[in-house]
Amino acid sequence: MKPLAETLRPQNLSQYIGQQHLVGEGAILRNAIENNALHSMILWGPPGVGKTTLALLIAQLVNAQFHMLSAINSGVKDIREIIDKAKVSEEKTILFIDEIHRFSKSQQDSLLGAVEQGVVTLIGATTENPSFEVISPLLSRCQVYVLKTLEIEDLNRILENAKRHLEKELKCSIEIEETEALLRVSGGDARKLLNAIELVVQFSKPESEKIKITDDIVMKCIQKNLALYDKKGENHYDIISAFIKSMRGSDPNATVYWLARMIEGGEDPLFIARRMIILASEDIGNANPNALLLANSCFQAVHQIGMPEARIILSQTAIYLASSPKSNASYMAIDDAIAWVHKTGDLPVPLHIRNAPTKLMKDLDYHKGYKYAHSFENNFVNLEFLPESISGKKFYEPQNNPRENEIRNYLKKCWEKYKY
């Protein structure tokens, strides 16, 4: 018997739940499918939001040969076999590669010629940022589509579809009295949600041909049958969340524990290193600028060395980041600045800090009044660099740590208007 997640895969775009910005009426990807203007693409989004389902639907709707590979257990030989078949096929060929971020450079290189010549239409699925994980030549030949986390309304629709199907199959009535636990254990992953309700229904005893589902029943059933529900026994995103929060919370002992859990669970070491680069800037920033340098060096070293030795490099870096002073001032500054850009629109650049490469621009006072900072004492001159309407608006607020206190003192001497 097929799993419920396979049985309920949609057969057309109207049955597909979520991602309306891509497949809704008039959306870009839907137009491409309906106009038979299919192109190679990367589908980037969290687990269980419909990447594989969308690829299968596309192949069905454009009447194409569909070949599916998993980057975990496929290699160059498998790719070449599919390309050879595609060359002699009269039909369009779609090659779907799940977890394409796990393909090595050489494996991705082997796709280039076939994608460029149109021998195959590549659809890659990834949970990782393709800018980091897909080689530039291949990425330039693909359109990247971002799939969003499913909304609660989407998950409720999936639950309702599952309920109707199970009622028909089991010839009983199913009443979902509470949904919070089902939604929580799914973590927004449609596949996990369907696995969960299938498991709960399977292990629930109907009372007079009626199955009641409550939060309490769901949690008891999932905990009792955890091995059936999640064979890894680990939630990828829960563990990385614990790891990040432990570093942010300056606890090196908890940090190295969660790191060990990820390493023993077979987590991609580059995934761990990449998250530490983000944390070094987001949570440490200018409180310790060396943190970003070390995190970036860690990523490069892990990439070059590989496991098992890379565990030592990961440990050193994680402990350093956890033990470092913290500041999220840079993170807050850019988000505040972006909010102001949305609020105020495209404010004009002050004339005196515009370039004036032509005589006409000079006649229009471009660059007039600009003062070169290095021509002044201490390499500083009091000049207006913001648009006039937001003059004096402060985005960066140094936090209370030794390094940023130095920055604050310097800025205080320079800028009276910012009130440092």
Protein backbone atom coordinates (compact mmCIF):
# COMPACT_ATOMS: atom_id res chain seq x y z
CA MET A 1 0.00 0.00 0.00
CA LYS A 2 1.40 3.37 -1.04
CA PRO A 3 2.01 6.02 1.64
CA LEU A 4 -0.70 8.63 1.91
CA ALA A 5 1.69 11.36 0.75
CA GLU A 6 2.15 9.48 -2.55
CA THR A 7 -1.53 8.63 -2.97
CA LEU A 8 -2.67 12.24 -2.54
CA ARG A 9 -0.21 13.85 -4.94
CA PRO A 10 -2.22 16.32 -7.07
CA GLN A 11 -2.92 15.45 -10.70
CA ASN A 12 -3.29 19.03 -11.95
CA LEU A 13 -2.35 22.58 -10.94
CA SER A 14 -5.79 23.33 -9.50
CA GLN A 15 -5.27 20.53 -6.96
CA TYR A 16 -1.77 21.75 -6.04
CA ILE A 17 -1.79 23.45 -2.63
CA GLY A 18 0.42 26.44 -1.89
CA GLN A 19 2.97 28.38 -3.97
CA GLN A 20 0.31 30.50 -5.65
CA HIS A 21 2.97 33.11 -6.47
CA LEU A 22 4.39 30.51 -8.87
CA VAL A 23 1.45 28.39 -10.04
CA GLY A 24 -1.65 30.50 -9.38
CA GLU A 25 -3.65 32.01 -12.23
CA GLY A 26 -1.36 34.27 -14.26
CA ALA A 27 1.76 33.35 -12.22
CA ILE A 28 5.10 33.08 -13.99
CA LEU A 29 5.70 29.34 -13.75
CA ARG A 30 2.09 28.46 -14.59
CA ASN A 31 2.31 30.60 -17.73
CA ALA A 32 5.52 28.85 -18.76
CA ILE A 33 3.87 25.43 -18.30
CA GLU A 34 0.64 26.35 -20.10
CA ASN A 35 2.54 27.95 -23.00
CA ASN A 36 4.87 24.94 -23.26
CA ALA A 37 7.80 27.29 -22.66
CA LEU A 38 9.51 25.05 -20.16
CA HIS A 39 13.05 25.87 -19.08
CA SER A 40 15.62 24.46 -16.67
CA MET A 41 15.03 25.54 -13.10
CA ILE A 42 16.03 25.19 -9.47
CA LEU A 43 13.22 24.85 -6.93
CA TRP A 44 14.49 26.21 -3.61
CA GLY A 45 12.48 25.86 -0.41
CA PRO A 46 12.10 24.04 2.92
CA PRO A 47 11.16 20.35 3.10
CA GLY A 48 7.61 19.26 2.35
CA VAL A 49 6.41 22.36 0.48
CA GLY A 50 5.85 20.63 -2.86
CA LYS A 51 9.12 20.66 -4.83
CA THR A 52 8.97 17.02 -6.00
CA THR A 53 5.22 17.20 -6.53
CA LEU A 54 5.62 20.30 -8.70
CA ALA A 55 8.32 18.62 -10.80
CA LEU A 56 6.10 15.56 -11.36
CA LEU A 57 3.17 17.79 -12.29
CA ILE A 58 5.24 19.76 -14.78
CA ALA A 59 6.40 16.58 -16.54
CA GLN A 60 2.83 15.31 -16.72
CA LEU A 61 1.41 18.59 -18.04
CA VAL A 62 4.01 19.04 -20.79
CA ASN A 63 3.98 15.34 -21.77
CA ALA A 64 7.66 14.82 -21.11
CA GLN A 65 9.77 11.81 -20.24
CA PHE A 66 10.53 12.08 -16.52
CA HIS A 67 13.72 10.81 -14.91
CA MET A 68 14.33 11.26 -11.20
CA LEU A 69 17.68 11.04 -9.43
CA SER A 70 18.60 11.60 -5.81
CA ALA A 71 21.93 13.35 -5.33
CA ILE A 72 22.52 11.17 -2.27
CA ASN A 73 22.88 7.90 -4.20
CA SER A 74 23.40 8.91 -7.86
CA GLY A 75 26.55 9.79 -9.75
CA VAL A 76 27.93 10.91 -13.11
CA LYS A 77 27.28 7.45 -14.63
CA ASP A 78 23.54 7.75 -13.87
CA ILE A 79 23.42 11.24 -15.35
CA ARG A 80 25.15 10.16 -18.56
CA GLU A 81 22.79 7.22 -19.02
CA ILE A 82 19.78 9.55 -18.87
CA ILE A 83 21.41 12.08 -21.22
CA ASP A 84 22.16 9.30 -23.74
CA LYS A 85 18.51 8.17 -23.63
CA ALA A 86 17.32 11.77 -24.03
CA LYS A 87 19.46 12.27 -27.15
CA VAL A 88 17.61 9.51 -29.03
CA SER A 89 14.15 10.23 -27.60
CA GLU A 90 11.59 12.08 -29.68
CA GLU A 91 9.91 13.37 -26.53
CA LYS A 92 11.06 16.18 -24.27
CA THR A 93 13.08 14.86 -21.31
CA ILE A 94 12.90 16.27 -17.79
CA LEU A 95 15.67 15.30 -15.40
CA PHE A 96 14.66 15.91 -11.80
CA ILE A 97 17.48 15.89 -9.25
CA ASP A 98 16.43 15.89 -5.63
CA GLU A 99 18.83 17.52 -3.16
CA ILE A 100 20.97 18.86 -6.00
CA HIS A 101 23.04 20.77 -3.43
CA ARG A 102 24.63 17.42 -2.51
CA PHE A 103 26.06 16.95 -6.01
CA SER A 104 29.80 17.57 -6.27
CA LYS A 105 31.27 20.08 -8.74
CA SER A 106 32.19 17.30 -11.18
CA GLN A 107 28.68 15.85 -11.02
CA GLN A 108 27.16 19.26 -11.69
CA ASP A 109 29.68 19.85 -14.50
CA SER A 110 28.44 16.69 -16.22
CA LEU A 111 25.01 18.32 -16.63
CA LEU A 112 26.20 21.53 -18.29
CA GLY A 113 26.35 20.49 -21.94
CA ALA A 114 23.01 18.68 -21.96
CA VAL A 115 21.24 21.56 -20.20
CA GLU A 116 22.79 24.21 -22.47
CA GLN A 117 21.92 22.28 -25.64
CA GLY A 118 18.40 21.54 -24.44
CA VAL A 119 18.93 17.77 -24.51
CA VAL A 120 17.35 17.66 -21.05
CA THR A 121 15.34 20.15 -19.07
CA LEU A 122 16.80 20.15 -15.58
CA ILE A 123 14.66 20.59 -12.51
CA GLY A 124 16.76 20.64 -9.36
CA ALA A 125 15.30 20.68 -5.85
CA THR A 126 17.20 22.03 -2.88
CA THR A 127 16.64 23.16 0.69
CA GLU A 128 19.92 25.11 0.57
CA ASN A 129 20.70 28.47 -1.00
CA PRO A 130 21.61 27.58 -4.62
CA SER A 131 23.98 30.57 -4.79
CA PHE A 132 26.29 28.64 -2.45
CA GLU A 133 25.60 25.08 -3.55
CA VAL A 134 25.10 25.14 -7.34
CA ILE A 135 28.08 25.97 -9.58
CA SER A 136 27.79 29.32 -11.35
CA PRO A 137 27.75 27.97 -14.95
CA LEU A 138 24.84 25.65 -14.14
CA LEU A 139 23.03 28.26 -12.06
CA SER A 140 23.24 30.77 -14.93
CA ARG A 141 21.41 28.28 -17.17
CA CYS A 142 18.55 27.82 -14.70
CA GLN A 143 15.77 29.99 -13.37
CA VAL A 144 15.62 29.87 -9.56
CA TYR A 145 12.12 29.67 -8.07
CA VAL A 146 11.68 30.15 -4.32
CA LEU A 147 8.99 27.99 -2.72
CA LYS A 148 7.53 29.41 0.47
CA THR A 149 6.63 27.70 3.74
CA LEU A 150 3.05 26.47 3.64
CA GLU A 151 0.47 28.62 5.43
CA ILE A 152 -1.83 27.18 8.10
CA GLU A 153 -4.71 27.43 5.61
CA ASP A 154 -2.73 25.27 3.17
CA LEU A 155 -1.98 22.67 5.84
CA ASN A 156 -5.63 22.58 6.90
CA ARG A 157 -6.67 21.94 3.28
CA ILE A 158 -4.16 19.08 3.09
CA LEU A 159 -5.60 17.66 6.34
CA GLU A 160 -9.13 17.87 4.97
CA ASN A 161 -8.11 16.05 1.77
CA ALA A 162 -6.42 13.35 3.85
CA LYS A 163 -9.47 12.99 6.10
CA ARG A 164 -11.82 12.51 3.13
CA HIS A 165 -9.53 9.97 1.51
CA LEU A 166 -9.03 7.94 4.70
CA GLU A 167 -12.77 7.94 5.43
CA LYS A 168 -13.42 6.53 1.98
CA GLU A 169 -10.65 3.93 2.24
CA LEU A 170 -11.46 2.78 5.78
CA LYS A 171 -15.23 3.21 5.45
CA CYS A 172 -15.47 5.09 8.72
CA SER A 173 -16.02 8.61 10.00
CA ILE A 174 -13.02 10.69 11.13
CA GLU A 175 -13.50 13.73 13.34
CA ILE A 176 -10.49 16.00 13.79
CA GLU A 177 -11.42 17.83 16.97
CA GLU A 178 -8.03 19.57 17.36
CA THR A 179 -5.28 20.29 14.83
CA GLU A 180 -2.57 22.01 16.89
CA ALA A 181 -0.55 18.85 17.60
CA LEU A 182 -0.75 17.62 14.01
CA LEU A 183 0.45 20.97 12.71
CA ARG A 184 3.18 21.16 15.35
CA VAL A 185 4.68 17.72 14.65
CA SER A 186 4.60 18.43 10.92
CA GLY A 187 6.65 21.60 11.28
CA GLY A 188 4.97 22.94 8.13
CA ASP A 189 6.09 19.88 6.12
CA ALA A 190 3.13 18.51 4.13
CA ARG A 191 4.69 15.05 3.87
CA LYS A 192 5.16 14.84 7.64
CA LEU A 193 1.62 16.07 8.18
CA LEU A 194 0.20 13.32 5.98
CA ASN A 195 2.45 10.71 7.60
CA ALA A 196 1.26 11.88 11.02
CA ILE A 197 -2.47 11.72 10.35
CA GLU A 198 -2.07 8.36 8.60
CA LEU A 199 -0.19 7.00 11.60
CA VAL A 200 -2.72 8.37 14.10
CA VAL A 201 -5.66 6.92 12.18
CA GLN A 202 -3.87 3.58 11.76
CA PHE A 203 -3.28 3.21 15.51
CA SER A 204 -6.58 4.66 16.73
CA LYS A 205 -9.42 2.37 17.68
CA PRO A 206 -12.70 3.54 16.18
CA GLU A 207 -15.66 3.93 18.50
CA SER A 208 -18.78 2.84 16.67
CA GLU A 209 -17.08 3.36 13.30
CA LYS A 210 -15.91 6.84 14.28
CA ILE A 211 -12.32 7.94 14.89
CA LYS A 212 -11.75 11.04 16.99
CA ILE A 213 -8.45 12.89 16.71
CA THR A 214 -7.37 15.22 19.53
CA ASP A 215 -4.03 16.83 20.39
CA ASP A 216 -3.53 14.39 23.25
CA ILE A 217 -4.16 11.35 21.03
CA VAL A 218 -1.80 12.69 18.37
CA MET A 219 1.09 13.25 20.80
CA LYS A 220 0.67 9.84 22.47
CA CYS A 221 0.53 8.08 19.13
CA ILE A 222 3.49 9.92 17.59
CA GLN A 223 5.68 9.43 20.66
CA LYS A 224 4.77 5.75 20.86
CA ASN A 225 5.55 5.17 17.19
CA LEU A 226 8.32 7.70 16.68
CA ALA A 227 10.49 5.23 14.79
CA LEU A 228 7.71 4.73 12.25
CA TYR A 229 7.05 8.43 11.94
CA ASP A 230 10.63 9.74 11.77
CA LYS A 231 13.23 7.03 11.25
CA LYS A 232 16.10 9.39 11.96
CA GLY A 233 14.63 10.17 15.37
CA GLU A 234 16.07 13.67 14.85
CA ASN A 235 14.54 16.76 13.41
CA HIS A 236 17.11 18.41 11.18
CA TYR A 237 15.77 21.90 11.80
CA ASP A 238 15.21 21.47 15.54
CA ILE A 239 18.82 20.42 16.10
CA ILE A 240 20.34 23.21 14.02
CA SER A 241 18.04 25.63 15.87
CA ALA A 242 19.33 24.36 19.22
CA PHE A 243 22.91 24.70 17.96
CA ILE A 244 22.43 28.29 16.79
CA LYS A 245 20.58 29.35 19.94
CA SER A 246 23.30 27.81 22.13
CA MET A 247 26.00 29.85 20.34
CA ARG A 248 23.86 32.99 20.49
CA GLY A 249 23.34 32.31 24.19
CA SER A 250 27.14 32.05 24.78
CA ASP A 251 27.04 28.45 26.02
CA PRO A 252 30.02 26.58 24.50
CA ASN A 253 29.11 23.31 26.25
CA ALA A 254 25.59 23.12 24.83
CA THR A 255 27.01 24.30 21.50
CA VAL A 256 29.48 21.45 21.19
CA TYR A 257 26.84 18.93 22.35
CA TRP A 258 24.41 19.91 19.57
CA LEU A 259 27.32 19.95 17.13
CA ALA A 260 28.12 16.37 18.13
CA ARG A 261 24.47 15.39 17.62
CA MET A 262 24.55 16.79 14.08
CA ILE A 263 27.88 15.15 13.24
CA GLU A 264 26.72 11.76 14.52
CA GLY A 265 23.43 12.19 12.68
CA GLY A 266 25.28 12.55 9.37
CA GLU A 267 24.59 16.25 8.87
CA ASP A 268 26.39 17.92 5.96
CA PRO A 269 29.41 19.67 7.59
CA LEU A 270 29.22 22.51 5.06
CA PHE A 271 25.63 23.17 6.14
CA ILE A 272 26.88 23.57 9.73
CA ALA A 273 29.79 25.81 8.67
CA ARG A 274 27.52 28.01 6.56
CA ARG A 275 25.15 28.56 9.49
CA MET A 276 28.11 29.64 11.62
CA ILE A 277 29.07 32.28 9.03
CA ILE A 278 25.58 33.74 9.28
CA LEU A 279 25.66 33.71 13.09
CA ALA A 280 29.10 35.36 13.16
CA SER A 281 27.67 38.40 11.41
CA GLU A 282 24.10 38.37 12.74
CA ASP A 283 24.80 37.72 16.42
CA ILE A 284 28.42 38.82 16.95
CA GLY A 285 29.07 41.45 14.29
CA ASN A 286 31.33 44.32 15.28
CA ALA A 287 31.53 43.17 18.88
CA ASN A 288 34.24 40.87 17.48
CA PRO A 289 34.88 41.31 13.72
CA ASN A 290 37.33 38.37 13.78
CA ALA A 291 34.38 36.01 14.30
CA LEU A 292 33.25 36.42 10.69
CA LEU A 293 36.80 35.89 9.42
CA LEU A 294 37.18 32.69 11.44
CA ALA A 295 33.75 31.38 10.42
CA ASN A 296 34.51 31.98 6.75
CA SER A 297 37.92 30.29 7.13
CA CYS A 298 36.16 27.38 8.82
CA PHE A 299 33.87 26.94 5.80
CA GLN A 300 36.86 26.92 3.43
CA ALA A 301 38.82 24.50 5.63
CA VAL A 302 35.91 22.09 6.03
CA HIS A 303 35.40 22.17 2.26
CA GLN A 304 39.08 21.33 1.69
CA ILE A 305 39.61 18.80 4.47
CA GLY A 306 36.32 16.87 4.69
CA MET A 307 35.22 14.52 7.43
CA PRO A 308 36.16 13.12 9.88
CA GLU A 309 38.93 15.69 10.53
CA ALA A 310 36.58 18.59 9.75
CA ARG A 311 34.80 17.91 13.04
CA ILE A 312 37.78 19.45 14.86
CA ILE A 313 37.61 22.63 12.79
CA LEU A 314 33.87 22.86 13.31
CA SER A 315 34.31 22.40 17.05
CA GLN A 316 37.03 25.06 17.34
CA THR A 317 34.95 27.60 15.45
CA ALA A 318 31.68 26.83 17.23
CA ILE A 319 33.31 27.16 20.67
CA TYR A 320 34.97 30.44 19.62
CA LEU A 321 31.65 31.87 18.41
CA ALA A 322 29.81 30.74 21.53
CA SER A 323 32.48 32.31 23.75
CA SER A 324 32.62 35.61 21.84
CA PRO A 325 30.97 38.91 22.89
CA LYS A 326 27.64 39.36 21.13
CA SER A 327 26.00 42.16 19.16
CA ASN A 328 23.17 42.15 16.64
CA ALA A 329 23.58 45.88 15.89
CA SER A 330 24.56 45.37 12.23
CA TYR A 331 21.62 43.01 11.69
CA MET A 332 19.23 45.52 13.26
CA ALA A 333 20.76 48.40 11.29
CA ILE A 334 20.24 46.87 7.85
CA ASP A 335 16.68 45.76 8.65
CA ASP A 336 15.85 49.25 9.94
CA ALA A 337 17.39 50.81 6.82
CA ILE A 338 15.44 48.47 4.52
CA ALA A 339 12.22 49.35 6.38
CA TRP A 340 12.96 53.04 5.80
CA VAL A 341 13.64 52.42 2.11
CA HIS A 342 10.20 50.79 1.85
CA LYS A 343 8.67 53.67 3.81
CA THR A 344 10.32 56.59 2.00
CA GLY A 345 10.86 55.18 -1.49
CA ASP A 346 13.65 56.21 -3.86
CA LEU A 347 14.89 59.40 -2.26
CA PRO A 348 17.26 61.45 -4.46
CA VAL A 349 21.00 61.19 -3.91
CA PRO A 350 22.35 64.58 -2.68
CA LEU A 351 23.98 66.41 -5.59
CA HIS A 352 27.33 66.86 -3.85
CA ILE A 353 27.93 63.10 -3.54
CA ARG A 354 26.92 62.26 -7.11
CA ASN A 355 29.60 61.54 -9.70
CA ALA A 356 30.06 64.11 -12.46
CA PRO A 357 31.83 62.38 -15.37
CA THR A 358 30.41 64.79 -18.00
CA LYS A 359 30.37 68.59 -18.42
CA LEU A 360 26.55 68.61 -18.37
CA MET A 361 26.54 66.93 -14.97
CA LYS A 362 29.04 69.45 -13.65
CA ASP A 363 26.87 72.29 -15.00
CA LEU A 364 23.96 70.75 -13.08
CA ASP A 365 26.03 70.97 -9.85
CA TYR A 366 26.70 67.25 -9.60
CA HIS A 367 29.64 66.75 -7.19
CA LYS A 368 29.66 70.47 -6.30
CA GLY A 369 30.62 70.97 -2.65
CA TYR A 370 31.96 67.46 -2.14
CA LYS A 371 34.92 67.33 0.25
CA TYR A 372 37.46 64.50 0.12
CA ALA A 373 37.71 63.13 3.68
CA HIS A 374 41.42 62.29 3.41
CA SER A 375 42.26 65.93 2.75
CA PHE A 376 41.12 66.84 6.25
CA GLU A 377 42.44 66.27 9.75
CA ASN A 378 41.83 62.75 11.08
CA ASN A 379 40.51 61.80 7.61
CA PHE A 380 37.08 63.17 8.46
CA VAL A 381 34.89 66.01 7.22
CA ASN A 382 31.38 66.85 8.44
CA LEU A 383 29.33 66.36 5.29
CA GLU A 384 25.76 65.26 4.63
CA PHE A 385 25.60 61.78 3.10
CA LEU A 386 21.89 60.98 3.59
CA PRO A 387 18.99 62.33 1.52
CA GLU A 388 17.86 65.67 2.95
CA SER A 389 14.46 64.40 4.10
CA ILE A 390 15.99 61.78 6.43
CA SER A 391 19.03 63.74 7.55
CA GLY A 392 20.05 62.72 11.08
CA LYS A 393 18.28 59.35 10.97
CA LYS A 394 20.41 56.85 12.93
CA PHE A 395 20.34 53.21 11.80
CA TYR A 396 23.42 51.78 13.52
CA GLU A 397 23.31 51.73 17.32
CA PRO A 398 26.55 50.28 18.79
CA GLN A 399 25.91 47.94 21.69
CA ASN A 400 27.60 47.76 25.06
CA ASN A 401 30.76 45.72 24.49
CA PRO A 402 34.44 46.80 24.39
CA ARG A 403 34.82 46.87 20.61
CA GLU A 404 31.55 48.69 19.90
CA ASN A 405 32.14 51.10 22.77
CA GLU A 406 35.28 52.16 20.88
CA ILE A 407 33.19 52.56 17.73
CA ARG A 408 30.59 54.61 19.62
CA ASN A 409 33.26 56.94 21.03
CA TYR A 410 34.72 57.49 17.57
CA LEU A 411 31.31 58.19 16.01
CA LYS A 412 30.40 60.49 18.91
CA LYS A 413 33.44 62.66 18.15
CA CYS A 414 32.54 62.75 14.46
CA TRP A 415 28.77 63.17 14.42
CA GLU A 416 26.81 65.42 16.72
CA LYS A 417 23.60 65.04 14.69
CA TYR A 418 23.38 61.28 15.28
CA LYS A 419 23.46 61.64 19.08
CA TYR A 420 25.94 58.88 19.77
